[in-house]
Amino acid sequence: MRIPAFALIPLLLISLSGQSVWADEAYARIKFPSDGAKLDAMAQNRIDYEVNPGPRGDHIHLYVDNHEAAILRKLVGSHQLDTMAPGPHTLCIKVVNKAHVPIGVEQCVKVVVE
């Protein structure tokens, strides 16, 4: 497939300026556990994450099964999870503003505790 020349102009401008247009784009990534992971009910489980809150975000809230479990201030880090009952669970990190309102940037993973 051939890319039209006009589509390459923004990429050329980015590379000439040495800056990325997407540098301020907000994101939330759960690095561990992965989606579908099996966690040991007897182990001290954790979540590893990385976020860029972007211009509208301030910090992160961690949710376990739609219940707020922690407020996280570090943009890259790890957080010890409370003991979870055996069975399926959903872990989410959500970027929120200073008023603790989610801005729509989040990632969730489903895990099974055995």
N, C-alpha and C. Protein backbone atom coordinates (compact mmCIF):
# COMPACT_ATOMS: atom_id res chain seq x y z
N MET A 1 0.84 -1.17 0.00
CA MET A 1 0.00 0.00 0.00
C MET A 1 0.89 1.24 0.00
N ARG A 2 0.56 2.19 -0.83
CA ARG A 2 1.34 3.41 -0.95
C ARG A 2 0.70 4.52 -0.13
N ILE A 3 1.52 5.24 0.64
CA ILE A 3 1.03 6.34 1.47
C ILE A 3 1.15 7.64 0.67
N PRO A 4 0.05 8.41 0.57
CA PRO A 4 0.11 9.67 -0.16
C PRO A 4 1.08 10.65 0.50
N ALA A 5 1.75 11.47 -0.29
CA ALA A 5 2.76 12.40 0.21
C ALA A 5 2.20 13.36 1.24
N PHE A 6 0.96 13.83 1.03
CA PHE A 6 0.38 14.78 1.98
C PHE A 6 0.22 14.18 3.38
N ALA A 7 0.10 12.86 3.48
CA ALA A 7 -0.04 12.20 4.78
C ALA A 7 1.28 12.17 5.53
N LEU A 8 2.39 12.32 4.83
CA LEU A 8 3.71 12.28 5.48
C LEU A 8 4.15 13.64 6.00
N ILE A 9 3.51 14.72 5.59
CA ILE A 9 3.92 16.07 6.00
C ILE A 9 3.90 16.23 7.52
N PRO A 10 2.84 15.82 8.24
CA PRO A 10 2.89 15.96 9.71
C PRO A 10 4.05 15.19 10.33
N LEU A 11 4.35 14.01 9.82
CA LEU A 11 5.46 13.23 10.37
C LEU A 11 6.79 13.93 10.10
N LEU A 12 6.94 14.52 8.93
CA LEU A 12 8.15 15.26 8.60
C LEU A 12 8.31 16.45 9.53
N LEU A 13 7.23 17.18 9.77
CA LEU A 13 7.29 18.34 10.67
C LEU A 13 7.65 17.92 12.08
N ILE A 14 7.12 16.81 12.53
CA ILE A 14 7.44 16.31 13.86
C ILE A 14 8.92 15.97 13.94
N SER A 15 9.42 15.27 12.95
CA SER A 15 10.81 14.85 13.01
C SER A 15 11.75 16.04 12.87
N LEU A 16 11.39 17.07 12.11
CA LEU A 16 12.23 18.25 11.99
C LEU A 16 12.25 19.07 13.27
N SER A 17 11.12 19.10 13.98
CA SER A 17 11.06 19.90 15.21
C SER A 17 11.71 19.17 16.38
N GLY A 18 11.88 17.84 16.26
CA GLY A 18 12.46 17.07 17.35
C GLY A 18 11.50 16.84 18.49
N GLN A 19 10.25 17.19 18.29
CA GLN A 19 9.25 17.01 19.33
C GLN A 19 8.13 16.14 18.82
N SER A 20 7.43 15.53 19.73
CA SER A 20 6.31 14.70 19.36
C SER A 20 5.00 15.42 19.68
N VAL A 21 4.09 15.37 18.74
CA VAL A 21 2.77 15.96 18.96
C VAL A 21 2.06 15.22 20.09
N TRP A 22 2.38 13.94 20.23
CA TRP A 22 1.68 13.12 21.21
C TRP A 22 2.31 13.14 22.59
N ALA A 23 3.30 13.99 22.84
CA ALA A 23 4.00 14.00 24.13
C ALA A 23 3.06 14.30 25.29
N ASP A 24 2.02 15.10 25.06
CA ASP A 24 1.10 15.46 26.14
C ASP A 24 -0.17 14.64 26.13
N GLU A 25 -0.24 13.63 25.26
CA GLU A 25 -1.43 12.81 25.20
C GLU A 25 -1.50 11.90 26.42
N ALA A 26 -2.62 11.95 27.11
CA ALA A 26 -2.80 11.17 28.33
C ALA A 26 -2.94 9.69 28.01
N TYR A 27 -2.41 8.84 28.89
CA TYR A 27 -2.59 7.40 28.76
C TYR A 27 -2.49 6.76 30.13
N ALA A 28 -3.01 5.56 30.23
CA ALA A 28 -2.91 4.74 31.44
C ALA A 28 -2.58 3.33 31.00
N ARG A 29 -1.54 2.75 31.59
CA ARG A 29 -1.12 1.39 31.23
C ARG A 29 -0.91 0.56 32.49
N ILE A 30 -1.52 -0.60 32.50
CA ILE A 30 -1.25 -1.58 33.55
C ILE A 30 -0.18 -2.50 32.98
N LYS A 31 0.98 -2.49 33.61
CA LYS A 31 2.09 -3.29 33.12
C LYS A 31 2.06 -4.71 33.70
N PHE A 32 1.51 -4.84 34.90
CA PHE A 32 1.36 -6.14 35.55
C PHE A 32 0.21 -6.04 36.54
N PRO A 33 -0.66 -6.99 36.62
CA PRO A 33 -0.75 -8.23 35.86
C PRO A 33 -1.36 -7.98 34.48
N SER A 34 -1.16 -8.92 33.61
CA SER A 34 -1.72 -8.81 32.27
C SER A 34 -3.18 -9.27 32.28
N ASP A 35 -3.90 -8.90 31.25
CA ASP A 35 -5.29 -9.31 31.12
C ASP A 35 -5.35 -10.83 31.06
N GLY A 36 -6.21 -11.44 31.88
CA GLY A 36 -6.36 -12.89 31.91
C GLY A 36 -5.41 -13.60 32.86
N ALA A 37 -4.58 -12.83 33.58
CA ALA A 37 -3.60 -13.44 34.49
C ALA A 37 -4.29 -14.18 35.63
N LYS A 38 -3.58 -15.19 36.14
CA LYS A 38 -4.04 -15.92 37.32
C LYS A 38 -3.16 -15.49 38.49
N LEU A 39 -3.80 -15.04 39.56
CA LEU A 39 -3.08 -14.59 40.76
C LEU A 39 -3.29 -15.58 41.88
N ASP A 40 -2.29 -15.73 42.70
CA ASP A 40 -2.32 -16.66 43.83
C ASP A 40 -3.02 -15.98 45.01
N ALA A 41 -4.06 -16.59 45.52
CA ALA A 41 -4.81 -16.03 46.65
C ALA A 41 -3.95 -15.91 47.91
N MET A 42 -2.91 -16.73 48.01
CA MET A 42 -2.06 -16.72 49.21
C MET A 42 -0.85 -15.78 49.05
N ALA A 43 -0.64 -15.23 47.88
CA ALA A 43 0.52 -14.36 47.63
C ALA A 43 0.16 -12.90 47.87
N GLN A 44 1.20 -12.08 48.04
CA GLN A 44 1.00 -10.63 48.11
C GLN A 44 1.05 -10.11 46.68
N ASN A 45 -0.11 -9.89 46.11
CA ASN A 45 -0.20 -9.47 44.72
C ASN A 45 -0.06 -7.96 44.60
N ARG A 46 0.37 -7.53 43.42
CA ARG A 46 0.58 -6.10 43.19
C ARG A 46 0.09 -5.73 41.81
N ILE A 47 -0.01 -4.44 41.58
CA ILE A 47 -0.29 -3.91 40.26
C ILE A 47 0.84 -2.94 39.93
N ASP A 48 1.42 -3.08 38.73
CA ASP A 48 2.44 -2.16 38.24
C ASP A 48 1.79 -1.33 37.14
N TYR A 49 2.04 -0.04 37.15
CA TYR A 49 1.35 0.84 36.23
C TYR A 49 2.27 1.97 35.76
N GLU A 50 1.83 2.62 34.69
CA GLU A 50 2.50 3.80 34.17
C GLU A 50 1.42 4.68 33.56
N VAL A 51 1.43 5.97 33.88
CA VAL A 51 0.43 6.88 33.32
C VAL A 51 1.07 8.20 32.92
N ASN A 52 0.43 8.85 31.99
CA ASN A 52 0.69 10.25 31.68
C ASN A 52 -0.68 10.90 31.82
N PRO A 53 -0.88 11.74 32.85
CA PRO A 53 -2.20 12.31 33.07
C PRO A 53 -2.61 13.34 32.03
N GLY A 54 -1.67 13.80 31.21
CA GLY A 54 -2.00 14.81 30.21
C GLY A 54 -2.36 16.13 30.87
N PRO A 55 -2.78 17.09 30.10
CA PRO A 55 -3.07 18.41 30.66
C PRO A 55 -4.33 18.47 31.53
N ARG A 56 -5.25 17.52 31.36
CA ARG A 56 -6.51 17.56 32.13
C ARG A 56 -6.47 16.70 33.39
N GLY A 57 -5.51 15.78 33.49
CA GLY A 57 -5.46 14.86 34.61
C GLY A 57 -4.52 15.33 35.71
N ASP A 58 -4.64 14.70 36.89
CA ASP A 58 -3.80 15.08 38.02
C ASP A 58 -3.14 13.86 38.69
N HIS A 59 -3.93 12.82 38.93
CA HIS A 59 -3.41 11.63 39.60
C HIS A 59 -4.25 10.43 39.20
N ILE A 60 -4.05 9.28 39.87
CA ILE A 60 -4.69 8.03 39.46
C ILE A 60 -5.49 7.44 40.62
N HIS A 61 -6.61 6.85 40.29
CA HIS A 61 -7.37 6.05 41.25
C HIS A 61 -7.32 4.60 40.79
N LEU A 62 -7.13 3.70 41.74
CA LEU A 62 -7.15 2.27 41.48
C LEU A 62 -8.50 1.72 41.92
N TYR A 63 -9.11 0.93 41.06
CA TYR A 63 -10.39 0.30 41.36
C TYR A 63 -10.24 -1.22 41.27
N VAL A 64 -10.84 -1.91 42.23
CA VAL A 64 -10.94 -3.36 42.20
C VAL A 64 -12.43 -3.68 42.19
N ASP A 65 -12.88 -4.30 41.13
CA ASP A 65 -14.30 -4.64 40.98
C ASP A 65 -15.21 -3.43 41.18
N ASN A 66 -14.84 -2.33 40.53
CA ASN A 66 -15.62 -1.07 40.54
C ASN A 66 -15.67 -0.38 41.90
N HIS A 67 -14.81 -0.77 42.83
CA HIS A 67 -14.72 -0.10 44.13
C HIS A 67 -13.35 0.55 44.25
N GLU A 68 -13.33 1.82 44.62
CA GLU A 68 -12.05 2.51 44.75
C GLU A 68 -11.21 1.83 45.82
N ALA A 69 -9.97 1.47 45.44
CA ALA A 69 -9.08 0.76 46.35
C ALA A 69 -7.90 1.61 46.80
N ALA A 70 -7.52 2.62 45.99
CA ALA A 70 -6.37 3.44 46.36
C ALA A 70 -6.32 4.70 45.50
N ILE A 71 -5.68 5.71 46.05
CA ILE A 71 -5.34 6.92 45.31
C ILE A 71 -3.83 6.88 45.12
N LEU A 72 -3.40 6.93 43.87
CA LEU A 72 -1.98 6.81 43.55
C LEU A 72 -1.48 8.14 43.00
N ARG A 73 -0.38 8.63 43.55
CA ARG A 73 0.17 9.92 43.13
C ARG A 73 1.37 9.79 42.21
N LYS A 74 2.07 8.64 42.26
CA LYS A 74 3.22 8.45 41.37
C LYS A 74 2.72 8.09 39.97
N LEU A 75 3.40 8.61 38.96
CA LEU A 75 2.99 8.35 37.59
C LEU A 75 3.49 7.00 37.09
N VAL A 76 4.53 6.49 37.69
CA VAL A 76 5.05 5.16 37.39
C VAL A 76 5.27 4.50 38.73
N GLY A 77 4.68 3.33 38.91
CA GLY A 77 4.87 2.70 40.21
C GLY A 77 4.24 1.33 40.32
N SER A 78 4.21 0.88 41.55
CA SER A 78 3.67 -0.42 41.91
C SER A 78 2.86 -0.23 43.18
N HIS A 79 1.77 -0.95 43.29
CA HIS A 79 0.92 -0.85 44.48
C HIS A 79 0.52 -2.25 44.93
N GLN A 80 0.69 -2.50 46.22
CA GLN A 80 0.31 -3.78 46.82
C GLN A 80 -1.21 -3.86 46.88
N LEU A 81 -1.77 -4.94 46.37
CA LEU A 81 -3.22 -5.14 46.38
C LEU A 81 -3.65 -5.80 47.68
N ASP A 82 -4.81 -5.42 48.17
CA ASP A 82 -5.38 -6.10 49.32
C ASP A 82 -5.74 -7.53 48.90
N THR A 83 -5.88 -8.40 49.88
CA THR A 83 -6.25 -9.79 49.61
C THR A 83 -7.59 -9.82 48.89
N MET A 84 -7.65 -10.61 47.84
CA MET A 84 -8.89 -10.75 47.07
C MET A 84 -9.39 -12.18 47.20
N ALA A 85 -10.70 -12.32 47.26
CA ALA A 85 -11.31 -13.65 47.34
C ALA A 85 -11.07 -14.40 46.03
N PRO A 86 -11.00 -15.72 46.10
CA PRO A 86 -10.87 -16.49 44.86
C PRO A 86 -12.00 -16.18 43.88
N GLY A 87 -11.64 -16.20 42.60
CA GLY A 87 -12.63 -15.92 41.56
C GLY A 87 -12.17 -14.81 40.64
N PRO A 88 -13.03 -14.41 39.70
CA PRO A 88 -12.68 -13.37 38.75
C PRO A 88 -12.76 -11.97 39.37
N HIS A 89 -11.86 -11.11 38.96
CA HIS A 89 -11.83 -9.72 39.44
C HIS A 89 -11.41 -8.81 38.30
N THR A 90 -11.79 -7.54 38.40
CA THR A 90 -11.39 -6.53 37.43
C THR A 90 -10.58 -5.47 38.16
N LEU A 91 -9.39 -5.18 37.63
CA LEU A 91 -8.51 -4.13 38.18
C LEU A 91 -8.47 -3.00 37.16
N CYS A 92 -8.69 -1.77 37.63
CA CYS A 92 -8.67 -0.61 36.74
C CYS A 92 -7.85 0.52 37.35
N ILE A 93 -7.12 1.22 36.51
CA ILE A 93 -6.53 2.49 36.91
C ILE A 93 -7.18 3.56 36.06
N LYS A 94 -7.57 4.65 36.72
CA LYS A 94 -8.26 5.74 36.02
C LYS A 94 -7.56 7.05 36.36
N VAL A 95 -7.27 7.82 35.32
CA VAL A 95 -6.70 9.15 35.53
C VAL A 95 -7.85 10.07 35.92
N VAL A 96 -7.63 10.83 36.99
CA VAL A 96 -8.66 11.75 37.49
C VAL A 96 -8.07 13.16 37.58
N ASN A 97 -8.97 14.15 37.67
CA ASN A 97 -8.51 15.53 37.83
C ASN A 97 -8.36 15.85 39.32
N LYS A 98 -8.06 17.09 39.64
CA LYS A 98 -7.85 17.48 41.05
C LYS A 98 -9.10 17.30 41.90
N ALA A 99 -10.27 17.30 41.26
CA ALA A 99 -11.54 17.09 41.98
C ALA A 99 -11.87 15.60 42.09
N HIS A 100 -10.93 14.72 41.69
CA HIS A 100 -11.09 13.26 41.74
C HIS A 100 -12.13 12.73 40.76
N VAL A 101 -12.39 13.48 39.69
CA VAL A 101 -13.34 13.07 38.66
C VAL A 101 -12.57 12.41 37.51
N PRO A 102 -12.94 11.19 37.13
CA PRO A 102 -12.25 10.54 36.01
C PRO A 102 -12.38 11.37 34.73
N ILE A 103 -11.28 11.43 33.96
CA ILE A 103 -11.28 12.22 32.73
C ILE A 103 -11.47 11.34 31.50
N GLY A 104 -11.69 10.04 31.70
CA GLY A 104 -11.93 9.14 30.58
C GLY A 104 -10.70 8.38 30.11
N VAL A 105 -9.57 8.55 30.80
CA VAL A 105 -8.36 7.83 30.45
C VAL A 105 -8.17 6.73 31.48
N GLU A 106 -8.22 5.49 31.02
CA GLU A 106 -8.15 4.37 31.97
C GLU A 106 -7.71 3.10 31.26
N GLN A 107 -7.34 2.13 32.05
CA GLN A 107 -7.11 0.77 31.54
C GLN A 107 -7.56 -0.20 32.61
N CYS A 108 -8.19 -1.27 32.17
CA CYS A 108 -8.65 -2.33 33.06
C CYS A 108 -8.11 -3.68 32.58
N VAL A 109 -7.89 -4.57 33.53
CA VAL A 109 -7.55 -5.96 33.21
C VAL A 109 -8.42 -6.87 34.06
N LYS A 110 -8.73 -8.02 33.49
CA LYS A 110 -9.47 -9.04 34.23
C LYS A 110 -8.48 -10.09 34.67
N VAL A 111 -8.58 -10.47 35.94
CA VAL A 111 -7.69 -11.49 36.51
C VAL A 111 -8.55 -12.54 37.22
N VAL A 112 -7.94 -13.68 37.49
CA VAL A 112 -8.60 -14.73 38.25
C VAL A 112 -7.71 -15.05 39.45
N VAL A 113 -8.28 -14.96 40.63
CA VAL A 113 -7.55 -15.30 41.85
C VAL A 113 -7.88 -16.74 42.18
N GLU A 114 -6.80 -17.54 42.37
CA GLU A 114 -7.00 -18.97 42.67
C GLU A 114 -6.39 -19.30 44.02
